[in-house]
Amino acid sequence: MFTHEEIWNGIDRLAEECGYSPSGLAKQAGLDSTSFNKSKRFAKNEKPRWPSTESIAKVLNATNTTLTQFSVLMNSNDRK
């Protein structure tokens, strides 16, 4: 099982390891540059917003990262 926080941690860590901001990572993957903005991670009613599996697949493909490698980033104790 994984959490909302772990998924976003994985995206943030992947961006950092590849030398991108979360916005830069989104652009590199062909997504809108605001896709991974911190302001979009929760709805106005504070309900968590999760990235789509398609978005995750695109960033993994764009960075040549395996799901296993992403899982390690998600579960790192070095959280932001």
PDB file of N, CA and C in Angstrom:
ATOM      1  N   MET A   1       0.840  -1.179   0.000  1.00  0.00           N
ATOM      2  CA  MET A   1       0.000   0.000   0.000  1.00  0.00           C
ATOM      3  C   MET A   1       0.884   1.241   0.000  1.00  0.00           C
ATOM      4  N   PHE A   2       0.409   2.285  -0.574  1.00  0.00           N
ATOM      5  CA  PHE A   2       1.131   3.553  -0.582  1.00  0.00           C
ATOM      6  C   PHE A   2       0.155   4.682  -0.326  1.00  0.00           C
ATOM      7  N   THR A   3       0.725   5.797   0.075  1.00  0.00           N
ATOM      8  CA  THR A   3      -0.107   6.941   0.449  1.00  0.00           C
ATOM      9  C   THR A   3       0.022   8.069  -0.567  1.00  0.00           C
ATOM     10  N   HIS A   4      -0.881   8.999  -0.449  1.00  0.00           N
ATOM     11  CA  HIS A   4      -0.860  10.224  -1.246  1.00  0.00           C
ATOM     12  C   HIS A   4       0.491  10.924  -1.079  1.00  0.00           C
ATOM     13  N   GLU A   5       0.934  11.052   0.148  1.00  0.00           N
ATOM     14  CA  GLU A   5       2.213  11.703   0.440  1.00  0.00           C
ATOM     15  C   GLU A   5       3.384  10.966  -0.210  1.00  0.00           C
ATOM     16  N   GLU A   6       3.365   9.648  -0.182  1.00  0.00           N
ATOM     17  CA  GLU A   6       4.463   8.875  -0.777  1.00  0.00           C
ATOM     18  C   GLU A   6       4.527   9.049  -2.288  1.00  0.00           C
ATOM     19  N   ILE A   7       3.378   9.059  -2.948  1.00  0.00           N
ATOM     20  CA  ILE A   7       3.361   9.263  -4.398  1.00  0.00           C
ATOM     21  C   ILE A   7       3.973  10.618  -4.746  1.00  0.00           C
ATOM     22  N   TRP A   8       3.527  11.669  -4.064  1.00  0.00           N
ATOM     23  CA  TRP A   8       4.053  13.006  -4.353  1.00  0.00           C
ATOM     24  C   TRP A   8       5.519  13.113  -3.950  1.00  0.00           C
ATOM     25  N   ASN A   9       5.917  12.430  -2.891  1.00  0.00           N
ATOM     26  CA  ASN A   9       7.328  12.397  -2.510  1.00  0.00           C
ATOM     27  C   ASN A   9       8.146  11.773  -3.641  1.00  0.00           C
ATOM     28  N   GLY A  10       7.640  10.704  -4.211  1.00  0.00           N
ATOM     29  CA  GLY A  10       8.337  10.052  -5.322  1.00  0.00           C
ATOM     30  C   GLY A  10       8.499  10.974  -6.520  1.00  0.00           C
ATOM     31  N   ILE A  11       7.460  11.710  -6.847  1.00  0.00           N
ATOM     32  CA  ILE A  11       7.528  12.649  -7.974  1.00  0.00           C
ATOM     33  C   ILE A  11       8.531  13.756  -7.675  1.00  0.00           C
ATOM     34  N   ASP A  12       8.479  14.300  -6.473  1.00  0.00           N
ATOM     35  CA  ASP A  12       9.421  15.365  -6.095  1.00  0.00           C
ATOM     36  C   ASP A  12      10.866  14.868  -6.110  1.00  0.00           C
ATOM     37  N   ARG A  13      11.090  13.681  -5.582  1.00  0.00           N
ATOM     38  CA  ARG A  13      12.451  13.115  -5.536  1.00  0.00           C
ATOM     39  C   ARG A  13      12.948  12.786  -6.938  1.00  0.00           C
ATOM     40  N   LEU A  14      12.067  12.254  -7.788  1.00  0.00           N
ATOM     41  CA  LEU A  14      12.449  11.943  -9.163  1.00  0.00           C
ATOM     42  C   LEU A  14      12.836  13.219  -9.898  1.00  0.00           C
ATOM     43  N   ALA A  15      12.042  14.254  -9.740  1.00  0.00           N
ATOM     44  CA  ALA A  15      12.361  15.540 -10.371  1.00  0.00           C
ATOM     45  C   ALA A  15      13.739  16.013  -9.917  1.00  0.00           C
ATOM     46  N   GLU A  16      13.970  15.989  -8.625  1.00  0.00           N
ATOM     47  CA  GLU A  16      15.242  16.453  -8.069  1.00  0.00           C
ATOM     48  C   GLU A  16      16.413  15.629  -8.600  1.00  0.00           C
ATOM     49  N   GLU A  17      16.269  14.311  -8.602  1.00  0.00           N
ATOM     50  CA  GLU A  17      17.352  13.444  -9.065  1.00  0.00           C
ATOM     51  C   GLU A  17      17.665  13.645 -10.546  1.00  0.00           C
ATOM     52  N   CYS A  18      16.667  14.064 -11.306  1.00  0.00           N
ATOM     53  CA  CYS A  18      16.868  14.293 -12.742  1.00  0.00           C
ATOM     54  C   CYS A  18      17.233  15.743 -13.055  1.00  0.00           C
ATOM     55  N   GLY A  19      17.346  16.559 -12.027  1.00  0.00           N
ATOM     56  CA  GLY A  19      17.741  17.953 -12.222  1.00  0.00           C
ATOM     57  C   GLY A  19      16.614  18.876 -12.643  1.00  0.00           C
ATOM     58  N   TYR A  20      15.387  18.493 -12.307  1.00  0.00           N
ATOM     59  CA  TYR A  20      14.227  19.289 -12.673  1.00  0.00           C
ATOM     60  C   TYR A  20      13.486  19.768 -11.428  1.00  0.00           C
ATOM     61  N   SER A  21      12.693  20.790 -11.605  1.00  0.00           N
ATOM     62  CA  SER A  21      11.652  21.126 -10.636  1.00  0.00           C
ATOM     63  C   SER A  21      10.479  20.205 -10.963  1.00  0.00           C
ATOM     64  N   PRO A  22       9.493  20.098 -10.085  1.00  0.00           N
ATOM     65  CA  PRO A  22       8.309  19.309 -10.464  1.00  0.00           C
ATOM     66  C   PRO A  22       7.659  19.822 -11.758  1.00  0.00           C
ATOM     67  N   SER A  23       7.655  21.133 -11.968  1.00  0.00           N
ATOM     68  CA  SER A  23       7.103  21.687 -13.215  1.00  0.00           C
ATOM     69  C   SER A  23       7.938  21.275 -14.421  1.00  0.00           C
ATOM     70  N   GLY A  24       9.249  21.310 -14.257  1.00  0.00           N
ATOM     71  CA  GLY A  24      10.142  20.903 -15.343  1.00  0.00           C
ATOM     72  C   GLY A  24       9.989  19.433 -15.682  1.00  0.00           C
ATOM     73  N   LEU A  25       9.791  18.608 -14.659  1.00  0.00           N
ATOM     74  CA  LEU A  25       9.570  17.180 -14.889  1.00  0.00           C
ATOM     75  C   LEU A  25       8.282  16.963 -15.672  1.00  0.00           C
ATOM     76  N   ALA A  26       7.245  17.680 -15.296  1.00  0.00           N
ATOM     77  CA  ALA A  26       5.969  17.565 -16.020  1.00  0.00           C
ATOM     78  C   ALA A  26       6.161  17.939 -17.491  1.00  0.00           C
ATOM     79  N   LYS A  27       6.846  19.040 -17.752  1.00  0.00           N
ATOM     80  CA  LYS A  27       7.080  19.468 -19.144  1.00  0.00           C
ATOM     81  C   LYS A  27       7.900  18.429 -19.895  1.00  0.00           C
ATOM     82  N   GLN A  28       8.931  17.881 -19.252  1.00  0.00           N
ATOM     83  CA  GLN A  28       9.779  16.871 -19.889  1.00  0.00           C
ATOM     84  C   GLN A  28       8.953  15.646 -20.298  1.00  0.00           C
ATOM     85  N   ALA A  29       7.917  15.358 -19.525  1.00  0.00           N
ATOM     86  CA  ALA A  29       7.059  14.204 -19.801  1.00  0.00           C
ATOM     87  C   ALA A  29       5.916  14.522 -20.758  1.00  0.00           C
ATOM     88  N   GLY A  30       5.859  15.768 -21.235  1.00  0.00           N
ATOM     89  CA  GLY A  30       4.801  16.148 -22.172  1.00  0.00           C
ATOM     90  C   GLY A  30       3.496  16.523 -21.492  1.00  0.00           C
ATOM     91  N   LEU A  31       3.576  16.833 -20.204  1.00  0.00           N
ATOM     92  CA  LEU A  31       2.391  17.227 -19.449  1.00  0.00           C
ATOM     93  C   LEU A  31       2.361  18.739 -19.287  1.00  0.00           C
ATOM     94  N   ASP A  32       1.238  19.258 -18.869  1.00  0.00           N
ATOM     95  CA  ASP A  32       1.141  20.677 -18.553  1.00  0.00           C
ATOM     96  C   ASP A  32       2.117  20.981 -17.419  1.00  0.00           C
ATOM     97  N   SER A  33       2.785  22.104 -17.512  1.00  0.00           N
ATOM     98  CA  SER A  33       3.815  22.426 -16.519  1.00  0.00           C
ATOM     99  C   SER A  33       3.268  22.579 -15.106  1.00  0.00           C
ATOM    100  N   THR A  34       1.973  22.774 -14.973  1.00  0.00           N
ATOM    101  CA  THR A  34       1.386  22.927 -13.636  1.00  0.00           C
ATOM    102  C   THR A  34       0.884  21.605 -13.053  1.00  0.00           C
ATOM    103  N   SER A  35       1.042  20.523 -13.777  1.00  0.00           N
ATOM    104  CA  SER A  35       0.491  19.227 -13.353  1.00  0.00           C
ATOM    105  C   SER A  35       0.920  18.797 -11.962  1.00  0.00           C
ATOM    106  N   PHE A  36       2.163  19.101 -11.599  1.00  0.00           N
ATOM    107  CA  PHE A  36       2.696  18.622 -10.327  1.00  0.00           C
ATOM    108  C   PHE A  36       2.900  19.734  -9.306  1.00  0.00           C
ATOM    109  N   ASN A  37       2.289  20.894  -9.554  1.00  0.00           N
ATOM    110  CA  ASN A  37       2.404  21.994  -8.592  1.00  0.00           C
ATOM    111  C   ASN A  37       1.843  21.584  -7.236  1.00  0.00           C
ATOM    112  N   LYS A  38       2.489  22.049  -6.187  1.00  0.00           N
ATOM    113  CA  LYS A  38       2.020  21.737  -4.831  1.00  0.00           C
ATOM    114  C   LYS A  38       0.594  22.235  -4.612  1.00  0.00           C
ATOM    115  N   SER A  39       0.229  23.328  -5.253  1.00  0.00           N
ATOM    116  CA  SER A  39      -1.119  23.885  -5.086  1.00  0.00           C
ATOM    117  C   SER A  39      -2.203  22.984  -5.684  1.00  0.00           C
ATOM    118  N   LYS A  40      -1.823  22.042  -6.533  1.00  0.00           N
ATOM    119  CA  LYS A  40      -2.798  21.155  -7.168  1.00  0.00           C
ATOM    120  C   LYS A  40      -2.883  19.791  -6.490  1.00  0.00           C
ATOM    121  N   ARG A  41      -2.186  19.619  -5.392  1.00  0.00           N
ATOM    122  CA  ARG A  41      -2.152  18.319  -4.733  1.00  0.00           C
ATOM    123  C   ARG A  41      -3.335  18.086  -3.807  1.00  0.00           C
ATOM    124  N   PHE A  42      -4.055  19.156  -3.520  1.00  0.00           N
ATOM    125  CA  PHE A  42      -5.266  19.062  -2.704  1.00  0.00           C
ATOM    126  C   PHE A  42      -6.326  19.949  -3.332  1.00  0.00           C
ATOM    127  N   ALA A  43      -7.561  19.487  -3.313  1.00  0.00           N
ATOM    128  CA  ALA A  43      -8.687  20.288  -3.798  1.00  0.00           C
ATOM    129  C   ALA A  43      -8.986  21.380  -2.772  1.00  0.00           C
ATOM    130  N   LYS A  44      -9.827  22.317  -3.161  1.00  0.00           N
ATOM    131  CA  LYS A  44     -10.184  23.416  -2.252  1.00  0.00           C
ATOM    132  C   LYS A  44     -10.821  22.915  -0.967  1.00  0.00           C
ATOM    133  N   ASN A  45     -11.491  21.785  -1.034  1.00  0.00           N
ATOM    134  CA  ASN A  45     -12.096  21.207   0.163  1.00  0.00           C
ATOM    135  C   ASN A  45     -11.102  20.326   0.930  1.00  0.00           C
ATOM    136  N   GLU A  46      -9.837  20.416   0.562  1.00  0.00           N
ATOM    137  CA  GLU A  46      -8.713  19.701   1.180  1.00  0.00           C
ATOM    138  C   GLU A  46      -8.685  18.213   0.880  1.00  0.00           C
ATOM    139  N   LYS A  47      -9.519  17.768  -0.052  1.00  0.00           N
ATOM    140  CA  LYS A  47      -9.480  16.370  -0.478  1.00  0.00           C
ATOM    141  C   LYS A  47      -8.217  16.152  -1.312  1.00  0.00           C
ATOM    142  N   PRO A  48      -7.454  15.088  -1.018  1.00  0.00           N
ATOM    143  CA  PRO A  48      -6.221  14.844  -1.778  1.00  0.00           C
ATOM    144  C   PRO A  48      -6.500  14.598  -3.260  1.00  0.00           C
ATOM    145  N   ARG A  49      -5.669  15.184  -4.098  1.00  0.00           N
ATOM    146  CA  ARG A  49      -5.696  14.904  -5.535  1.00  0.00           C
ATOM    147  C   ARG A  49      -4.476  14.043  -5.844  1.00  0.00           C
ATOM    148  N   TRP A  50      -4.724  12.949  -6.503  1.00  0.00           N
ATOM    149  CA  TRP A  50      -3.668  12.005  -6.847  1.00  0.00           C
ATOM    150  C   TRP A  50      -3.286  12.189  -8.320  1.00  0.00           C
ATOM    151  N   PRO A  51      -2.016  12.053  -8.650  1.00  0.00           N
ATOM    152  CA  PRO A  51      -1.646  12.083 -10.071  1.00  0.00           C
ATOM    153  C   PRO A  51      -2.208  10.829 -10.753  1.00  0.00           C
ATOM    154  N   SER A  52      -2.524  10.960 -12.011  1.00  0.00           N
ATOM    155  CA  SER A  52      -3.072   9.804 -12.734  1.00  0.00           C
ATOM    156  C   SER A  52      -1.968   8.787 -13.018  1.00  0.00           C
ATOM    157  N   THR A  53      -2.384   7.558 -13.236  1.00  0.00           N
ATOM    158  CA  THR A  53      -1.407   6.532 -13.612  1.00  0.00           C
ATOM    159  C   THR A  53      -0.770   6.889 -14.956  1.00  0.00           C
ATOM    160  N   GLU A  54      -1.524   7.544 -15.824  1.00  0.00           N
ATOM    161  CA  GLU A  54      -0.967   7.973 -17.107  1.00  0.00           C
ATOM    162  C   GLU A  54       0.148   8.997 -16.894  1.00  0.00           C
ATOM    163  N   SER A  55      -0.051   9.949 -15.987  1.00  0.00           N
ATOM    164  CA  SER A  55       0.990  10.950 -15.704  1.00  0.00           C
ATOM    165  C   SER A  55       2.228  10.294 -15.115  1.00  0.00           C
ATOM    166  N   ILE A  56       2.021   9.363 -14.204  1.00  0.00           N
ATOM    167  CA  ILE A  56       3.171   8.660 -13.615  1.00  0.00           C
ATOM    168  C   ILE A  56       3.907   7.868 -14.687  1.00  0.00           C
ATOM    169  N   ALA A  57       3.178   7.180 -15.538  1.00  0.00           N
ATOM    170  CA  ALA A  57       3.805   6.414 -16.617  1.00  0.00           C
ATOM    171  C   ALA A  57       4.611   7.323 -17.542  1.00  0.00           C
ATOM    172  N   LYS A  58       4.085   8.496 -17.836  1.00  0.00           N
ATOM    173  CA  LYS A  58       4.793   9.429 -18.719  1.00  0.00           C
ATOM    174  C   LYS A  58       6.093   9.928 -18.096  1.00  0.00           C
ATOM    175  N   VAL A  59       6.083  10.245 -16.800  1.00  0.00           N
ATOM    176  CA  VAL A  59       7.330  10.719 -16.190  1.00  0.00           C
ATOM    177  C   VAL A  59       8.337   9.585 -16.049  1.00  0.00           C
ATOM    178  N   LEU A  60       7.867   8.382 -15.783  1.00  0.00           N
ATOM    179  CA  LEU A  60       8.797   7.255 -15.710  1.00  0.00           C
ATOM    180  C   LEU A  60       9.431   6.996 -17.072  1.00  0.00           C
ATOM    181  N   ASN A  61       8.625   7.071 -18.116  1.00  0.00           N
ATOM    182  CA  ASN A  61       9.145   6.877 -19.470  1.00  0.00           C
ATOM    183  C   ASN A  61      10.120   7.988 -19.853  1.00  0.00           C
ATOM    184  N   ALA A  62       9.763   9.224 -19.549  1.00  0.00           N
ATOM    185  CA  ALA A  62      10.604  10.373 -19.922  1.00  0.00           C
ATOM    186  C   ALA A  62      11.941  10.366 -19.200  1.00  0.00           C
ATOM    187  N   THR A  63      11.977   9.769 -18.022  1.00  0.00           N
ATOM    188  CA  THR A  63      13.215   9.758 -17.233  1.00  0.00           C
ATOM    189  C   THR A  63      13.889   8.388 -17.232  1.00  0.00           C
ATOM    190  N   ASN A  64      13.330   7.458 -18.001  1.00  0.00           N
ATOM    191  CA  ASN A  64      13.865   6.095 -18.077  1.00  0.00           C
ATOM    192  C   ASN A  64      13.987   5.486 -16.675  1.00  0.00           C
ATOM    193  N   THR A  65      12.929   5.642 -15.896  1.00  0.00           N
ATOM    194  CA  THR A  65      12.880   5.155 -14.521  1.00  0.00           C
ATOM    195  C   THR A  65      11.910   3.989 -14.444  1.00  0.00           C
ATOM    196  N   THR A  66      12.305   2.933 -13.760  1.00  0.00           N
ATOM    197  CA  THR A  66      11.405   1.793 -13.598  1.00  0.00           C
ATOM    198  C   THR A  66      10.442   2.054 -12.437  1.00  0.00           C
ATOM    199  N   LEU A  67       9.379   1.294 -12.415  1.00  0.00           N
ATOM    200  CA  LEU A  67       8.425   1.393 -11.319  1.00  0.00           C
ATOM    201  C   LEU A  67       9.099   1.019  -9.997  1.00  0.00           C
ATOM    202  N   THR A  68      10.011   0.065 -10.044  1.00  0.00           N
ATOM    203  CA  THR A  68      10.748  -0.327  -8.841  1.00  0.00           C
ATOM    204  C   THR A  68      11.605   0.832  -8.337  1.00  0.00           C
ATOM    205  N   GLN A  69      12.294   1.502  -9.243  1.00  0.00           N
ATOM    206  CA  GLN A  69      13.105   2.664  -8.846  1.00  0.00           C
ATOM    207  C   GLN A  69      12.223   3.769  -8.275  1.00  0.00           C
ATOM    208  N   PHE A  70      11.072   3.997  -8.894  1.00  0.00           N
ATOM    209  CA  PHE A  70      10.149   5.015  -8.401  1.00  0.00           C
ATOM    210  C   PHE A  70       9.644   4.648  -7.007  1.00  0.00           C
ATOM    211  N   SER A  71       9.381   3.371  -6.796  1.00  0.00           N
ATOM    212  CA  SER A  71       8.925   2.903  -5.494  1.00  0.00           C
ATOM    213  C   SER A  71       9.958   3.204  -4.410  1.00  0.00           C
ATOM    214  N   VAL A  72      11.220   3.042  -4.727  1.00  0.00           N
ATOM    215  CA  VAL A  72      12.280   3.360  -3.767  1.00  0.00           C
ATOM    216  C   VAL A  72      12.247   4.848  -3.439  1.00  0.00           C
ATOM    217  N   LEU A  73      12.082   5.692  -4.450  1.00  0.00           N
ATOM    218  CA  LEU A  73      11.995   7.134  -4.216  1.00  0.00           C
ATOM    219  C   LEU A  73      10.770   7.487  -3.371  1.00  0.00           C
ATOM    220  N   MET A  74       9.663   6.830  -3.649  1.00  0.00           N
ATOM    221  CA  MET A  74       8.432   7.088  -2.896  1.00  0.00           C
ATOM    222  C   MET A  74       8.603   6.768  -1.424  1.00  0.00           C
ATOM    223  N   ASN A  75       9.289   5.706  -1.154  1.00  0.00           N
ATOM    224  CA  ASN A  75       9.381   5.197   0.204  1.00  0.00           C
ATOM    225  C   ASN A  75      10.635   5.626   0.946  1.00  0.00           C
ATOM    226  N   SER A  76      11.353   6.552   0.361  1.00  0.00           N
ATOM    227  CA  SER A  76      12.554   7.054   1.011  1.00  0.00           C
ATOM    228  C   SER A  76      12.200   7.763   2.315  1.00  0.00           C
ATOM    229  N   ASN A  77      13.042   7.583   3.309  1.00  0.00           N
ATOM    230  CA  ASN A  77      12.847   8.285   4.581  1.00  0.00           C
ATOM    231  C   ASN A  77      13.268   9.735   4.499  1.00  0.00           C
ATOM    232  N   ASP A  78      13.928  10.104   3.423  1.00  0.00           N
ATOM    233  CA  ASP A  78      14.400  11.472   3.227  1.00  0.00           C
ATOM    234  C   ASP A  78      13.290  12.302   2.585  1.00  0.00           C
ATOM    235  N   ARG A  79      12.258  12.554   3.325  1.00  0.00           N
ATOM    236  CA  ARG A  79      11.086  13.277   2.807  1.00  0.00           C
ATOM    237  C   ARG A  79      11.278  14.767   2.887  1.00  0.00           C
ATOM    238  N   LYS A  80      10.658  15.439   1.960  1.00  0.00           N
ATOM    239  CA  LYS A  80      10.715  16.906   1.898  1.00  0.00           C
ATOM    240  C   LYS A  80       9.731  17.500   2.864  1.00  0.00           C
TER     241      LYS A  80
END
